[in-house]
Amino acid sequence: MKILITGAGGMLGKALSSCLESREHQVKGYPREALDVTNYHQVVDVLSTEKPELVIHAAAYTKVDQAESEAELAFLINGYASENLAVSCNKLDIPMMYISSDYVFDGEQNRPYQPWDSTGPLSIYGKTKLAGERAVRSYLRQFYIVRTSWLYGPHGRNFVDTIHQLALDGKPLRVVSDQFGSPTCTLTLSETIADLINTKRWGIYHATDGGVTNWYEFAKQIVKDLDVPAVQPIETKDMPRPATRPKYSVLDKTTLIHTIGRELVPWQDALAMYMSLKSAKQAV
């Protein structure tokens, strides 16, 4: 399949490009410098020229706390630009995949969220991702919306690398223990997405690594092989942030598992794989 990826220079975009190419798809990756997704005419021109069979929209504004003071920019990139892609794909009859977030939920129901559950974002970031979802659903019949959470991986700043480096630097680690979700490696998510697009079963899917944890337990797992002081658990109120996070944003993956026909990699196994890759890279 010929696939065009927006945000190809980002953490997920790079992982997707490598994964899909390894499966013999023809991938055209467009980083931010090559495609301004907020420019409708440029989007139409690129899609008209490339004629992809699928667009994966991975370009996004991801600064959760900064979005609270940059709402206009966040909505421009996550909302308006997603509408540009959706309108263009509709015009050219191209299916589209939109990468969304667990932050479209409020985290108050204390059970895993189904794809059809009511949304209720608490932050500007969450509201902008929901705006992108609504644009895709408004203009397209053939689409995937893939909600994921707690992303980390090569080629981008992320929680795993930050905690690991702070531990190596001997810094005290105080991590919230009352926010629950599912860590997800971009490498395993890319494999899941590759399996999903082979099905051509359009719809809204929840895609994370398997299992549930909190940020504190996640951090403990990251540093478990290091000779460093113990991670200290704190509550969200002890570390106030500009953006409100959902307390329980676990996503139910049952629909996805039935669709792709396999279980998802446990988050502990995905993290172990990533840490091994990280160690091997540092040893070179």
C-alpha atoms as a PDB file:
ATOM      1  CA  MET A   1       0.000   0.000   0.000  1.00  0.00           C
ATOM      2  CA  LYS A   2       1.154   3.554  -0.651  1.00  0.00           C
ATOM      3  CA  ILE A   3       0.930   5.392   2.677  1.00  0.00           C
ATOM      4  CA  LEU A   4       1.556   9.063   3.434  1.00  0.00           C
ATOM      5  CA  ILE A   5       2.494   9.959   7.021  1.00  0.00           C
ATOM      6  CA  THR A   6       2.249  13.483   8.401  1.00  0.00           C
ATOM      7  CA  GLY A   7       4.521  14.347  11.308  1.00  0.00           C
ATOM      8  CA  ALA A   8       7.047  11.850   9.964  1.00  0.00           C
ATOM      9  CA  GLY A   9       9.878  13.577  11.838  1.00  0.00           C
ATOM     10  CA  GLY A  10       8.247  12.965  15.227  1.00  0.00           C
ATOM     11  CA  MET A  11       8.623  10.109  17.691  1.00  0.00           C
ATOM     12  CA  LEU A  12       5.646   8.097  16.440  1.00  0.00           C
ATOM     13  CA  GLY A  13       6.050   9.153  12.809  1.00  0.00           C
ATOM     14  CA  LYS A  14       9.589   7.782  12.631  1.00  0.00           C
ATOM     15  CA  ALA A  15       8.626   4.503  14.269  1.00  0.00           C
ATOM     16  CA  LEU A  16       5.643   4.113  11.923  1.00  0.00           C
ATOM     17  CA  SER A  17       7.735   4.803   8.832  1.00  0.00           C
ATOM     18  CA  SER A  18      10.304   2.145   9.727  1.00  0.00           C
ATOM     19  CA  CYS A  19       7.683  -0.433  10.687  1.00  0.00           C
ATOM     20  CA  LEU A  20       5.525   0.030   7.591  1.00  0.00           C
ATOM     21  CA  GLU A  21       8.540   0.006   5.265  1.00  0.00           C
ATOM     22  CA  SER A  22       9.674  -3.276   6.843  1.00  0.00           C
ATOM     23  CA  ARG A  23       6.289  -4.693   5.835  1.00  0.00           C
ATOM     24  CA  GLU A  24       6.911  -3.610   2.236  1.00  0.00           C
ATOM     25  CA  HIS A  25       4.500  -0.688   2.192  1.00  0.00           C
ATOM     26  CA  GLN A  26       5.554   2.304   0.118  1.00  0.00           C
ATOM     27  CA  VAL A  27       5.858   5.081   2.699  1.00  0.00           C
ATOM     28  CA  LYS A  28       6.020   8.792   1.947  1.00  0.00           C
ATOM     29  CA  GLY A  29       6.949  10.547   5.159  1.00  0.00           C
ATOM     30  CA  TYR A  30       6.315  14.273   5.454  1.00  0.00           C
ATOM     31  CA  PRO A  31       7.949  16.004   8.433  1.00  0.00           C
ATOM     32  CA  ARG A  32       6.761  19.409   9.591  1.00  0.00           C
ATOM     33  CA  GLU A  33       9.335  21.171   7.405  1.00  0.00           C
ATOM     34  CA  ALA A  34       8.024  19.514   4.241  1.00  0.00           C
ATOM     35  CA  LEU A  35       4.279  19.791   4.859  1.00  0.00           C
ATOM     36  CA  ASP A  36       2.503  22.523   6.801  1.00  0.00           C
ATOM     37  CA  VAL A  37      -0.730  20.745   7.720  1.00  0.00           C
ATOM     38  CA  THR A  38      -2.314  24.075   8.707  1.00  0.00           C
ATOM     39  CA  ASN A  39      -2.097  25.160   5.048  1.00  0.00           C
ATOM     40  CA  TYR A  40      -5.122  23.678   3.278  1.00  0.00           C
ATOM     41  CA  HIS A  41      -3.918  24.371  -0.257  1.00  0.00           C
ATOM     42  CA  GLN A  42      -0.543  22.811   0.442  1.00  0.00           C
ATOM     43  CA  VAL A  43      -2.234  19.733   1.899  1.00  0.00           C
ATOM     44  CA  VAL A  44      -4.443  19.332  -1.188  1.00  0.00           C
ATOM     45  CA  ASP A  45      -1.457  19.812  -3.512  1.00  0.00           C
ATOM     46  CA  VAL A  46       0.653  17.203  -1.717  1.00  0.00           C
ATOM     47  CA  LEU A  47      -2.119  14.623  -1.566  1.00  0.00           C
ATOM     48  CA  SER A  48      -3.061  15.256  -5.204  1.00  0.00           C
ATOM     49  CA  THR A  49       0.554  14.742  -6.244  1.00  0.00           C
ATOM     50  CA  GLU A  50       1.344  11.722  -4.069  1.00  0.00           C
ATOM     51  CA  LYS A  51      -2.017   9.946  -4.497  1.00  0.00           C
ATOM     52  CA  PRO A  52      -1.625   7.771  -1.383  1.00  0.00           C
ATOM     53  CA  GLU A  53      -3.975   4.899  -0.600  1.00  0.00           C
ATOM     54  CA  LEU A  54      -3.995   5.896   3.081  1.00  0.00           C
ATOM     55  CA  VAL A  55      -3.014   9.000   5.046  1.00  0.00           C
ATOM     56  CA  ILE A  56      -1.793   8.496   8.622  1.00  0.00           C
ATOM     57  CA  HIS A  57      -2.064  11.807  10.438  1.00  0.00           C
ATOM     58  CA  ALA A  58       0.585  11.659  13.172  1.00  0.00           C
ATOM     59  CA  ALA A  59       1.456  15.363  13.191  1.00  0.00           C
ATOM     60  CA  ALA A  60       0.282  16.954  16.434  1.00  0.00           C
ATOM     61  CA  TYR A  61       0.792  19.578  19.100  1.00  0.00           C
ATOM     62  CA  THR A  62       1.749  17.473  22.140  1.00  0.00           C
ATOM     63  CA  LYS A  63       2.848  19.955  24.845  1.00  0.00           C
ATOM     64  CA  VAL A  64       0.066  19.172  27.305  1.00  0.00           C
ATOM     65  CA  ASP A  65       0.840  21.835  29.910  1.00  0.00           C
ATOM     66  CA  GLN A  66       1.945  24.503  27.443  1.00  0.00           C
ATOM     67  CA  ALA A  67      -1.339  24.117  25.560  1.00  0.00           C
ATOM     68  CA  GLU A  68      -3.124  25.776  28.471  1.00  0.00           C
ATOM     69  CA  SER A  69      -1.402  29.061  27.548  1.00  0.00           C
ATOM     70  CA  GLU A  70      -1.199  28.348  23.798  1.00  0.00           C
ATOM     71  CA  ALA A  71      -4.767  27.265  23.155  1.00  0.00           C
ATOM     72  CA  GLU A  72      -5.032  29.008  19.786  1.00  0.00           C
ATOM     73  CA  LEU A  73      -1.895  27.323  18.460  1.00  0.00           C
ATOM     74  CA  ALA A  74      -2.907  23.931  19.872  1.00  0.00           C
ATOM     75  CA  PHE A  75      -6.359  24.116  18.239  1.00  0.00           C
ATOM     76  CA  LEU A  76      -4.763  25.285  14.981  1.00  0.00           C
ATOM     77  CA  ILE A  77      -2.504  22.236  14.803  1.00  0.00           C
ATOM     78  CA  ASN A  78      -4.675  19.522  16.362  1.00  0.00           C
ATOM     79  CA  GLY A  79      -8.089  20.747  15.262  1.00  0.00           C
ATOM     80  CA  TYR A  80      -7.940  22.936  12.166  1.00  0.00           C
ATOM     81  CA  ALA A  81      -5.061  21.042  10.541  1.00  0.00           C
ATOM     82  CA  SER A  82      -6.845  17.727  11.115  1.00  0.00           C
ATOM     83  CA  GLU A  83      -9.892  19.206   9.400  1.00  0.00           C
ATOM     84  CA  ASN A  84      -7.654  20.228   6.481  1.00  0.00           C
ATOM     85  CA  LEU A  85      -6.521  16.621   6.131  1.00  0.00           C
ATOM     86  CA  ALA A  86     -10.046  15.242   6.503  1.00  0.00           C
ATOM     87  CA  VAL A  87     -11.562  17.632   3.936  1.00  0.00           C
ATOM     88  CA  SER A  88      -8.707  16.945   1.507  1.00  0.00           C
ATOM     89  CA  CYS A  89      -8.997  13.164   1.945  1.00  0.00           C
ATOM     90  CA  ASN A  90     -12.750  13.407   1.382  1.00  0.00           C
ATOM     91  CA  LYS A  91     -12.214  15.466  -1.761  1.00  0.00           C
ATOM     92  CA  LEU A  92      -9.687  12.974  -3.147  1.00  0.00           C
ATOM     93  CA  ASP A  93     -11.413   9.814  -1.828  1.00  0.00           C
ATOM     94  CA  ILE A  94      -8.488   8.763   0.382  1.00  0.00           C
ATOM     95  CA  PRO A  95      -8.985   6.896   3.692  1.00  0.00           C
ATOM     96  CA  MET A  96      -7.359   8.478   6.746  1.00  0.00           C
ATOM     97  CA  MET A  97      -6.044   7.401  10.134  1.00  0.00           C
ATOM     98  CA  TYR A  98      -6.004   9.948  12.951  1.00  0.00           C
ATOM     99  CA  ILE A  99      -3.869   9.371  16.044  1.00  0.00           C
ATOM    100  CA  SER A 100      -5.752  10.532  19.136  1.00  0.00           C
ATOM    101  CA  SER A 101      -5.333  10.371  22.893  1.00  0.00           C
ATOM    102  CA  ASP A 102      -6.704   9.025  26.168  1.00  0.00           C
ATOM    103  CA  TYR A 103      -6.948  12.692  27.224  1.00  0.00           C
ATOM    104  CA  VAL A 104     -10.279  12.978  25.368  1.00  0.00           C
ATOM    105  CA  PHE A 105     -11.776  11.326  28.491  1.00  0.00           C
ATOM    106  CA  ASP A 106     -12.215  12.813  31.963  1.00  0.00           C
ATOM    107  CA  GLY A 107     -10.953   9.727  33.826  1.00  0.00           C
ATOM    108  CA  GLU A 108     -13.824   9.730  36.327  1.00  0.00           C
ATOM    109  CA  GLN A 109     -15.626   6.449  35.585  1.00  0.00           C
ATOM    110  CA  ASN A 110     -12.965   4.164  37.140  1.00  0.00           C
ATOM    111  CA  ARG A 111     -13.281   1.465  34.503  1.00  0.00           C
ATOM    112  CA  PRO A 112     -11.540   1.095  31.136  1.00  0.00           C
ATOM    113  CA  TYR A 113     -13.011   3.337  28.463  1.00  0.00           C
ATOM    114  CA  GLN A 114     -14.709   1.726  25.457  1.00  0.00           C
ATOM    115  CA  PRO A 115     -14.295   3.393  22.043  1.00  0.00           C
ATOM    116  CA  TRP A 116     -17.965   4.432  22.109  1.00  0.00           C
ATOM    117  CA  ASP A 117     -17.961   5.931  25.615  1.00  0.00           C
ATOM    118  CA  SER A 118     -18.792   9.616  26.018  1.00  0.00           C
ATOM    119  CA  THR A 119     -15.810  11.938  25.885  1.00  0.00           C
ATOM    120  CA  GLY A 120     -15.142  14.800  28.287  1.00  0.00           C
ATOM    121  CA  PRO A 121     -11.618  16.235  28.067  1.00  0.00           C
ATOM    122  CA  LEU A 122     -10.321  18.148  31.091  1.00  0.00           C
ATOM    123  CA  SER A 123      -7.471  20.019  29.372  1.00  0.00           C
ATOM    124  CA  ILE A 124      -6.980  22.227  26.326  1.00  0.00           C
ATOM    125  CA  TYR A 125      -4.814  19.493  24.823  1.00  0.00           C
ATOM    126  CA  GLY A 126      -7.577  16.923  25.263  1.00  0.00           C
ATOM    127  CA  LYS A 127     -10.134  19.299  23.739  1.00  0.00           C
ATOM    128  CA  THR A 128      -7.914  19.877  20.693  1.00  0.00           C
ATOM    129  CA  LYS A 129      -7.475  16.136  20.112  1.00  0.00           C
ATOM    130  CA  LEU A 130     -11.234  15.682  20.352  1.00  0.00           C
ATOM    131  CA  ALA A 131     -11.692  18.503  17.820  1.00  0.00           C
ATOM    132  CA  GLY A 132      -9.478  16.537  15.432  1.00  0.00           C
ATOM    133  CA  GLU A 133     -11.558  13.399  15.982  1.00  0.00           C
ATOM    134  CA  ARG A 134     -14.766  15.266  15.235  1.00  0.00           C
ATOM    135  CA  ALA A 135     -13.354  16.658  12.000  1.00  0.00           C
ATOM    136  CA  VAL A 136     -12.412  13.180  10.794  1.00  0.00           C
ATOM    137  CA  ARG A 137     -15.817  11.757  11.687  1.00  0.00           C
ATOM    138  CA  SER A 138     -17.610  14.688  10.040  1.00  0.00           C
ATOM    139  CA  TYR A 139     -15.948  14.507   6.640  1.00  0.00           C
ATOM    140  CA  LEU A 140     -14.955  10.886   6.110  1.00  0.00           C
ATOM    141  CA  ARG A 141     -16.663   7.525   5.818  1.00  0.00           C
ATOM    142  CA  GLN A 142     -13.493   5.448   5.599  1.00  0.00           C
ATOM    143  CA  PHE A 143     -11.329   6.334   8.573  1.00  0.00           C
ATOM    144  CA  TYR A 144      -9.527   4.975  11.612  1.00  0.00           C
ATOM    145  CA  ILE A 145      -9.319   6.926  14.846  1.00  0.00           C
ATOM    146  CA  VAL A 146      -6.654   5.360  17.059  1.00  0.00           C
ATOM    147  CA  ARG A 147      -6.579   6.531  20.661  1.00  0.00           C
ATOM    148  CA  THR A 148      -3.393   5.742  22.545  1.00  0.00           C
ATOM    149  CA  SER A 149      -1.687   6.792  25.784  1.00  0.00           C
ATOM    150  CA  TRP A 150       1.563   7.462  27.661  1.00  0.00           C
ATOM    151  CA  LEU A 151       3.741   7.249  24.545  1.00  0.00           C
ATOM    152  CA  TYR A 152       7.501   6.780  24.663  1.00  0.00           C
ATOM    153  CA  GLY A 153      10.098   5.560  22.188  1.00  0.00           C
ATOM    154  CA  PRO A 154      13.219   6.458  20.234  1.00  0.00           C
ATOM    155  CA  HIS A 155      13.594   9.835  18.528  1.00  0.00           C
ATOM    156  CA  GLY A 156      11.715  12.033  20.990  1.00  0.00           C
ATOM    157  CA  ARG A 157      11.514  13.399  24.521  1.00  0.00           C
ATOM    158  CA  ASN A 158       9.507  11.087  26.745  1.00  0.00           C
ATOM    159  CA  PHE A 159       8.872   9.997  30.341  1.00  0.00           C
ATOM    160  CA  VAL A 160      11.075   6.893  30.178  1.00  0.00           C
ATOM    161  CA  ASP A 161      14.176   8.717  28.996  1.00  0.00           C
ATOM    162  CA  THR A 162      13.601  11.580  31.441  1.00  0.00           C
ATOM    163  CA  ILE A 163      13.212   9.314  34.491  1.00  0.00           C
ATOM    164  CA  HIS A 164      16.172   7.174  33.457  1.00  0.00           C
ATOM    165  CA  GLN A 165      18.457  10.180  33.034  1.00  0.00           C
ATOM    166  CA  LEU A 166      17.346  11.819  36.288  1.00  0.00           C
ATOM    167  CA  ALA A 167      18.096   8.569  38.110  1.00  0.00           C
ATOM    168  CA  LEU A 168      21.560   8.342  36.531  1.00  0.00           C
ATOM    169  CA  ASP A 169      22.200  11.949  37.565  1.00  0.00           C
ATOM    170  CA  GLY A 170      21.331  11.078  41.162  1.00  0.00           C
ATOM    171  CA  LYS A 171      18.292  13.364  41.253  1.00  0.00           C
ATOM    172  CA  PRO A 172      15.458  12.549  43.700  1.00  0.00           C
ATOM    173  CA  LEU A 173      12.472  11.005  41.943  1.00  0.00           C
ATOM    174  CA  ARG A 174       8.992  11.932  43.182  1.00  0.00           C
ATOM    175  CA  VAL A 175       6.292  10.551  40.901  1.00  0.00           C
ATOM    176  CA  VAL A 176       2.507  10.657  41.105  1.00  0.00           C
ATOM    177  CA  SER A 177       0.839   7.393  42.101  1.00  0.00           C
ATOM    178  CA  ASP A 178      -2.843   8.293  41.691  1.00  0.00           C
ATOM    179  CA  GLN A 179      -3.048   8.569  37.880  1.00  0.00           C
ATOM    180  CA  PHE A 180      -3.641   5.249  36.096  1.00  0.00           C
ATOM    181  CA  GLY A 181      -3.186   4.294  32.465  1.00  0.00           C
ATOM    182  CA  SER A 182      -1.197   2.140  30.055  1.00  0.00           C
ATOM    183  CA  PRO A 183       2.357   3.010  28.937  1.00  0.00           C
ATOM    184  CA  THR A 184       2.805   2.478  25.216  1.00  0.00           C
ATOM    185  CA  CYS A 185       6.003   2.127  23.198  1.00  0.00           C
ATOM    186  CA  THR A 186       5.936   3.646  19.716  1.00  0.00           C
ATOM    187  CA  LEU A 187       7.619   0.498  18.375  1.00  0.00           C
ATOM    188  CA  THR A 188       4.860  -1.854  19.556  1.00  0.00           C
ATOM    189  CA  LEU A 189       2.136   0.659  18.670  1.00  0.00           C
ATOM    190  CA  SER A 190       3.498   0.824  15.122  1.00  0.00           C
ATOM    191  CA  GLU A 191       3.218  -2.951  14.795  1.00  0.00           C
ATOM    192  CA  THR A 192      -0.363  -2.769  16.057  1.00  0.00           C
ATOM    193  CA  ILE A 193      -1.223  -0.038  13.565  1.00  0.00           C
ATOM    194  CA  ALA A 194       0.373  -2.043  10.753  1.00  0.00           C
ATOM    195  CA  ASP A 195      -1.835  -5.010  11.663  1.00  0.00           C
ATOM    196  CA  LEU A 196      -4.921  -2.799  11.848  1.00  0.00           C
ATOM    197  CA  ILE A 197      -4.543  -1.187   8.435  1.00  0.00           C
ATOM    198  CA  ASN A 198      -4.285  -4.625   6.849  1.00  0.00           C
ATOM    199  CA  THR A 199      -7.853  -5.343   7.997  1.00  0.00           C
ATOM    200  CA  LYS A 200      -9.443  -2.268   6.372  1.00  0.00           C
ATOM    201  CA  ARG A 201     -12.054  -2.379   9.123  1.00  0.00           C
ATOM    202  CA  TRP A 202     -12.695   1.313   9.657  1.00  0.00           C
ATOM    203  CA  GLY A 203     -13.688   2.743  13.003  1.00  0.00           C
ATOM    204  CA  ILE A 204     -12.504   4.011  16.385  1.00  0.00           C
ATOM    205  CA  TYR A 205      -9.952   1.872  18.187  1.00  0.00           C
ATOM    206  CA  HIS A 206      -8.091   1.977  21.483  1.00  0.00           C
ATOM    207  CA  ALA A 207      -4.466   0.935  21.065  1.00  0.00           C
ATOM    208  CA  THR A 208      -1.976   0.786  23.929  1.00  0.00           C
ATOM    209  CA  ASP A 209       0.392  -1.825  25.288  1.00  0.00           C
ATOM    210  CA  GLY A 210      -1.301  -4.370  27.524  1.00  0.00           C
ATOM    211  CA  GLY A 211      -1.883  -3.925  31.236  1.00  0.00           C
ATOM    212  CA  VAL A 212      -2.512  -1.067  33.656  1.00  0.00           C
ATOM    213  CA  THR A 213      -0.229   0.854  35.994  1.00  0.00           C
ATOM    214  CA  ASN A 214       0.367   4.293  37.479  1.00  0.00           C
ATOM    215  CA  TRP A 215       3.194   6.734  36.860  1.00  0.00           C
ATOM    216  CA  TYR A 216       4.935   5.776  40.120  1.00  0.00           C
ATOM    217  CA  GLU A 217       4.995   2.037  39.372  1.00  0.00           C
ATOM    218  CA  PHE A 218       6.016   2.827  35.792  1.00  0.00           C
ATOM    219  CA  ALA A 219       8.964   4.887  37.060  1.00  0.00           C
ATOM    220  CA  LYS A 220       9.991   2.107  39.467  1.00  0.00           C
ATOM    221  CA  GLN A 221      10.091  -0.336  36.554  1.00  0.00           C
ATOM    222  CA  ILE A 222      12.230   2.064  34.495  1.00  0.00           C
ATOM    223  CA  VAL A 223      14.957   2.312  37.163  1.00  0.00           C
ATOM    224  CA  LYS A 224      14.719  -1.195  38.649  1.00  0.00           C
ATOM    225  CA  ASP A 225      18.136  -2.238  37.294  1.00  0.00           C
ATOM    226  CA  LEU A 226      19.916   0.924  38.453  1.00  0.00           C
ATOM    227  CA  ASP A 227      21.633   1.398  41.787  1.00  0.00           C
ATOM    228  CA  VAL A 228      19.753   4.568  42.671  1.00  0.00           C
ATOM    229  CA  PRO A 229      17.592   5.810  45.578  1.00  0.00           C
ATOM    230  CA  ALA A 230      14.012   4.541  45.653  1.00  0.00           C
ATOM    231  CA  VAL A 231      11.317   6.382  43.723  1.00  0.00           C
ATOM    232  CA  GLN A 232       8.973   8.249  46.086  1.00  0.00           C
ATOM    233  CA  PRO A 233       5.193   8.161  45.480  1.00  0.00           C
ATOM    234  CA  ILE A 234       3.249  11.416  45.703  1.00  0.00           C
ATOM    235  CA  GLU A 235      -0.313  12.496  44.922  1.00  0.00           C
ATOM    236  CA  THR A 236      -1.354  14.700  42.031  1.00  0.00           C
ATOM    237  CA  LYS A 237      -2.123  17.543  44.445  1.00  0.00           C
ATOM    238  CA  ASP A 238       1.527  17.487  45.563  1.00  0.00           C
ATOM    239  CA  MET A 239       2.689  18.309  42.031  1.00  0.00           C
ATOM    240  CA  PRO A 240       0.271  20.857  40.541  1.00  0.00           C
ATOM    241  CA  ARG A 241       0.504  21.267  36.773  1.00  0.00           C
ATOM    242  CA  PRO A 242      -1.197  23.759  34.408  1.00  0.00           C
ATOM    243  CA  ALA A 243      -3.175  21.000  32.638  1.00  0.00           C
ATOM    244  CA  THR A 244      -5.525  18.681  34.529  1.00  0.00           C
ATOM    245  CA  ARG A 245      -4.840  15.003  33.805  1.00  0.00           C
ATOM    246  CA  PRO A 246      -7.484  12.253  33.863  1.00  0.00           C
ATOM    247  CA  LYS A 247      -7.071  10.090  36.980  1.00  0.00           C
ATOM    248  CA  TYR A 248      -8.041   6.812  35.292  1.00  0.00           C
ATOM    249  CA  SER A 249      -7.589   6.902  31.524  1.00  0.00           C
ATOM    250  CA  VAL A 250      -7.234   3.164  30.898  1.00  0.00           C
ATOM    251  CA  LEU A 251      -8.451   2.275  27.400  1.00  0.00           C
ATOM    252  CA  ASP A 252     -10.345  -0.950  26.672  1.00  0.00           C
ATOM    253  CA  LYS A 253      -8.673  -2.696  23.722  1.00  0.00           C
ATOM    254  CA  THR A 254     -11.158  -5.552  23.218  1.00  0.00           C
ATOM    255  CA  THR A 255     -12.403  -4.290  19.846  1.00  0.00           C
ATOM    256  CA  LEU A 256      -8.855  -3.868  18.562  1.00  0.00           C
ATOM    257  CA  ILE A 257      -7.773  -7.328  19.771  1.00  0.00           C
ATOM    258  CA  HIS A 258     -10.705  -8.989  18.003  1.00  0.00           C
ATOM    259  CA  THR A 259     -10.029  -6.979  14.848  1.00  0.00           C
ATOM    260  CA  ILE A 260      -6.297  -7.729  14.507  1.00  0.00           C
ATOM    261  CA  GLY A 261      -6.614 -11.253  15.903  1.00  0.00           C
ATOM    262  CA  ARG A 262      -3.919 -11.142  18.573  1.00  0.00           C
ATOM    263  CA  GLU A 263      -3.210  -9.991  22.105  1.00  0.00           C
ATOM    264  CA  LEU A 264      -1.180  -6.851  22.767  1.00  0.00           C
ATOM    265  CA  VAL A 265       2.339  -6.800  24.196  1.00  0.00           C
ATOM    266  CA  PRO A 266       2.325  -6.269  27.993  1.00  0.00           C
ATOM    267  CA  TRP A 267       3.683  -2.845  28.889  1.00  0.00           C
ATOM    268  CA  GLN A 268       6.425  -4.403  31.043  1.00  0.00           C
ATOM    269  CA  ASP A 269       7.714  -6.445  28.083  1.00  0.00           C
ATOM    270  CA  ALA A 270       7.596  -3.449  25.744  1.00  0.00           C
ATOM    271  CA  LEU A 271       9.529  -1.371  28.284  1.00  0.00           C
ATOM    272  CA  ALA A 272      12.145  -4.114  28.734  1.00  0.00           C
ATOM    273  CA  MET A 273      12.616  -4.268  24.958  1.00  0.00           C
ATOM    274  CA  TYR A 274      13.015  -0.506  24.755  1.00  0.00           C
ATOM    275  CA  MET A 275      15.514  -0.389  27.620  1.00  0.00           C
ATOM    276  CA  SER A 276      17.556  -3.147  25.944  1.00  0.00           C
ATOM    277  CA  LEU A 277      17.627  -1.175  22.708  1.00  0.00           C
ATOM    278  CA  LYS A 278      18.584   1.926  24.655  1.00  0.00           C
ATOM    279  CA  SER A 279      21.467   0.103  26.388  1.00  0.00           C
ATOM    280  CA  ALA A 280      22.716  -1.383  23.136  1.00  0.00           C
ATOM    281  CA  LYS A 281      22.698   2.035  21.471  1.00  0.00           C
ATOM    282  CA  GLN A 282      24.616   3.616  24.354  1.00  0.00           C
ATOM    283  CA  ALA A 283      27.191   0.811  24.261  1.00  0.00           C
ATOM    284  CA  VAL A 284      28.093   1.523  20.631  1.00  0.00           C
END
